[in-house]
């Protein structure tokens, strides 16, 4: 069954519950969620066993993948291969990112 999610509502839920990410779809095939990093907050994620796609909804920051950092901004799409070490950093405003992982 289809469902429409509002990113602002998901960020509000995330802020209410604490933490910096929230899954909003989990099925046998995919997992999708929102990351919201406030300035100075650390991204503590570990490498994933599957490929991952990120879409930057809001903000400017850097993504470090296997030790190399690249600037990212609103509307950028990032592909991260399975098992790659990666993290977001360097944001001086809220960074809101959609993520989708295969299962």
C-alpha atoms as a PDB file:
ATOM      1  CA  UNK A   1       0.000   0.000   0.000  1.00  0.00           C
ATOM      2  CA  UNK A   2       1.328   3.424  -0.936  1.00  0.00           C
ATOM      3  CA  UNK A   3       2.021   6.096   1.638  1.00  0.00           C
ATOM      4  CA  UNK A   4       3.172   9.707   1.413  1.00  0.00           C
ATOM      5  CA  UNK A   5       5.609  10.991   4.022  1.00  0.00           C
ATOM      6  CA  UNK A   6       6.310  14.639   4.833  1.00  0.00           C
ATOM      7  CA  UNK A   7      10.004  15.183   5.565  1.00  0.00           C
ATOM      8  CA  UNK A   8       9.286  18.035   8.017  1.00  0.00           C
ATOM      9  CA  UNK A   9       6.988  15.750  10.029  1.00  0.00           C
ATOM     10  CA  UNK A  10       9.646  13.017  10.082  1.00  0.00           C
ATOM     11  CA  UNK A  11      12.269  15.501  11.322  1.00  0.00           C
ATOM     12  CA  UNK A  12       9.830  16.666  14.014  1.00  0.00           C
ATOM     13  CA  UNK A  13       9.302  13.039  15.139  1.00  0.00           C
ATOM     14  CA  UNK A  14      13.051  12.537  15.170  1.00  0.00           C
ATOM     15  CA  UNK A  15      13.635  15.637  17.289  1.00  0.00           C
ATOM     16  CA  UNK A  16      10.922  14.491  19.722  1.00  0.00           C
ATOM     17  CA  UNK A  17      12.375  10.998  20.148  1.00  0.00           C
ATOM     18  CA  UNK A  18      16.056  11.989  20.238  1.00  0.00           C
ATOM     19  CA  UNK A  19      18.844  10.489  18.164  1.00  0.00           C
ATOM     20  CA  UNK A  20      19.776  11.606  14.696  1.00  0.00           C
ATOM     21  CA  UNK A  21      18.019   9.152  12.379  1.00  0.00           C
ATOM     22  CA  UNK A  22      14.617   7.542  12.022  1.00  0.00           C
ATOM     23  CA  UNK A  23      13.494   4.728   9.712  1.00  0.00           C
ATOM     24  CA  UNK A  24      10.110   5.349   8.130  1.00  0.00           C
ATOM     25  CA  UNK A  25      10.003   2.383   5.716  1.00  0.00           C
ATOM     26  CA  UNK A  26      11.177  -1.110   6.536  1.00  0.00           C
ATOM     27  CA  UNK A  27      10.140  -3.910   4.228  1.00  0.00           C
ATOM     28  CA  UNK A  28      11.663  -7.173   3.078  1.00  0.00           C
ATOM     29  CA  UNK A  29      13.325  -5.311   0.178  1.00  0.00           C
ATOM     30  CA  UNK A  30      14.284  -1.813   1.394  1.00  0.00           C
ATOM     31  CA  UNK A  31      14.891   0.393   4.389  1.00  0.00           C
ATOM     32  CA  UNK A  32      14.408   4.159   4.148  1.00  0.00           C
ATOM     33  CA  UNK A  33      14.778   6.933   6.657  1.00  0.00           C
ATOM     34  CA  UNK A  34      15.827  10.450   7.495  1.00  0.00           C
ATOM     35  CA  UNK A  35      19.068  11.635   9.066  1.00  0.00           C
ATOM     36  CA  UNK A  36      19.080  15.044  10.752  1.00  0.00           C
ATOM     37  CA  UNK A  37      22.446  16.234  12.018  1.00  0.00           C
ATOM     38  CA  UNK A  38      22.534  19.477  13.981  1.00  0.00           C
ATOM     39  CA  UNK A  39      25.711  21.600  13.831  1.00  0.00           C
ATOM     40  CA  UNK A  40      28.477  19.900  15.800  1.00  0.00           C
ATOM     41  CA  UNK A  41      26.566  16.599  16.123  1.00  0.00           C
ATOM     42  CA  UNK A  42      28.614  13.509  15.200  1.00  0.00           C
ATOM     43  CA  UNK A  43      27.539  10.981  12.576  1.00  0.00           C
ATOM     44  CA  UNK A  44      28.258   7.628  14.219  1.00  0.00           C
ATOM     45  CA  UNK A  45      27.091   5.251  11.508  1.00  0.00           C
ATOM     46  CA  UNK A  46      29.021   2.123  10.600  1.00  0.00           C
ATOM     47  CA  UNK A  47      29.552   0.636   7.114  1.00  0.00           C
ATOM     48  CA  UNK A  48      26.488  -1.152   5.770  1.00  0.00           C
ATOM     49  CA  UNK A  49      26.435  -4.587   4.168  1.00  0.00           C
ATOM     50  CA  UNK A  50      24.364  -3.247   1.233  1.00  0.00           C
ATOM     51  CA  UNK A  51      24.549  -0.306  -1.180  1.00  0.00           C
ATOM     52  CA  UNK A  52      23.007   2.953   0.000  1.00  0.00           C
ATOM     53  CA  UNK A  53      21.604   6.080  -1.657  1.00  0.00           C
ATOM     54  CA  UNK A  54      21.428   9.484   0.055  1.00  0.00           C
ATOM     55  CA  UNK A  55      19.430  12.515  -1.095  1.00  0.00           C
ATOM     56  CA  UNK A  56      20.224  15.835   0.596  1.00  0.00           C
ATOM     57  CA  UNK A  57      16.912  17.493   1.469  1.00  0.00           C
ATOM     58  CA  UNK A  58      18.334  20.465   3.332  1.00  0.00           C
ATOM     59  CA  UNK A  59      21.721  21.885   4.285  1.00  0.00           C
ATOM     60  CA  UNK A  60      25.367  21.916   3.279  1.00  0.00           C
ATOM     61  CA  UNK A  61      28.072  19.625   4.687  1.00  0.00           C
ATOM     62  CA  UNK A  62      30.759  17.165   3.701  1.00  0.00           C
ATOM     63  CA  UNK A  63      30.597  13.431   3.275  1.00  0.00           C
ATOM     64  CA  UNK A  64      33.719  11.425   3.940  1.00  0.00           C
ATOM     65  CA  UNK A  65      33.906   8.106   2.083  1.00  0.00           C
ATOM     66  CA  UNK A  66      36.899   5.853   2.694  1.00  0.00           C
ATOM     67  CA  UNK A  67      38.918   8.830   3.995  1.00  0.00           C
ATOM     68  CA  UNK A  68      38.073  11.292   1.173  1.00  0.00           C
ATOM     69  CA  UNK A  69      35.755  14.249   1.867  1.00  0.00           C
ATOM     70  CA  UNK A  70      33.506  15.923  -0.691  1.00  0.00           C
ATOM     71  CA  UNK A  71      31.154  18.875  -0.305  1.00  0.00           C
ATOM     72  CA  UNK A  72      27.439  18.089  -0.554  1.00  0.00           C
ATOM     73  CA  UNK A  73      24.456  20.406  -0.763  1.00  0.00           C
ATOM     74  CA  UNK A  74      20.696  20.450  -1.062  1.00  0.00           C
ATOM     75  CA  UNK A  75      19.396  18.220  -3.903  1.00  0.00           C
ATOM     76  CA  UNK A  76      22.636  16.234  -4.246  1.00  0.00           C
ATOM     77  CA  UNK A  77      22.316  12.458  -4.614  1.00  0.00           C
ATOM     78  CA  UNK A  78      25.089  10.271  -3.213  1.00  0.00           C
ATOM     79  CA  UNK A  79      25.734   6.574  -3.864  1.00  0.00           C
ATOM     80  CA  UNK A  80      27.691   4.657  -1.222  1.00  0.00           C
ATOM     81  CA  UNK A  81      28.839   1.130  -2.135  1.00  0.00           C
ATOM     82  CA  UNK A  82      28.313  -1.646   0.389  1.00  0.00           C
ATOM     83  CA  UNK A  83      30.914  -1.918   3.170  1.00  0.00           C
ATOM     84  CA  UNK A  84      32.326   1.599   2.541  1.00  0.00           C
ATOM     85  CA  UNK A  85      33.292   3.639   5.606  1.00  0.00           C
ATOM     86  CA  UNK A  86      31.391   6.915   5.408  1.00  0.00           C
ATOM     87  CA  UNK A  87      30.104   9.775   7.539  1.00  0.00           C
ATOM     88  CA  UNK A  88      28.673  13.272   7.282  1.00  0.00           C
ATOM     89  CA  UNK A  89      30.563  16.155   8.907  1.00  0.00           C
ATOM     90  CA  UNK A  90      31.279  19.888   8.779  1.00  0.00           C
ATOM     91  CA  UNK A  91      27.712  21.164   8.720  1.00  0.00           C
ATOM     92  CA  UNK A  92      27.144  24.584  10.288  1.00  0.00           C
ATOM     93  CA  UNK A  93      23.367  24.314   9.923  1.00  0.00           C
ATOM     94  CA  UNK A  94      20.940  21.404  10.165  1.00  0.00           C
ATOM     95  CA  UNK A  95      21.655  18.712   7.585  1.00  0.00           C
ATOM     96  CA  UNK A  96      18.592  16.680   6.572  1.00  0.00           C
ATOM     97  CA  UNK A  97      19.216  13.639   4.367  1.00  0.00           C
ATOM     98  CA  UNK A  98      16.981  10.876   3.018  1.00  0.00           C
ATOM     99  CA  UNK A  99      18.583   7.429   2.909  1.00  0.00           C
ATOM    100  CA  UNK A 100      17.520   4.257   1.121  1.00  0.00           C
ATOM    101  CA  UNK A 101      19.208   0.882   1.546  1.00  0.00           C
ATOM    102  CA  UNK A 102      18.559  -2.391  -0.230  1.00  0.00           C
ATOM    103  CA  UNK A 103      18.099  -5.450   1.961  1.00  0.00           C
END
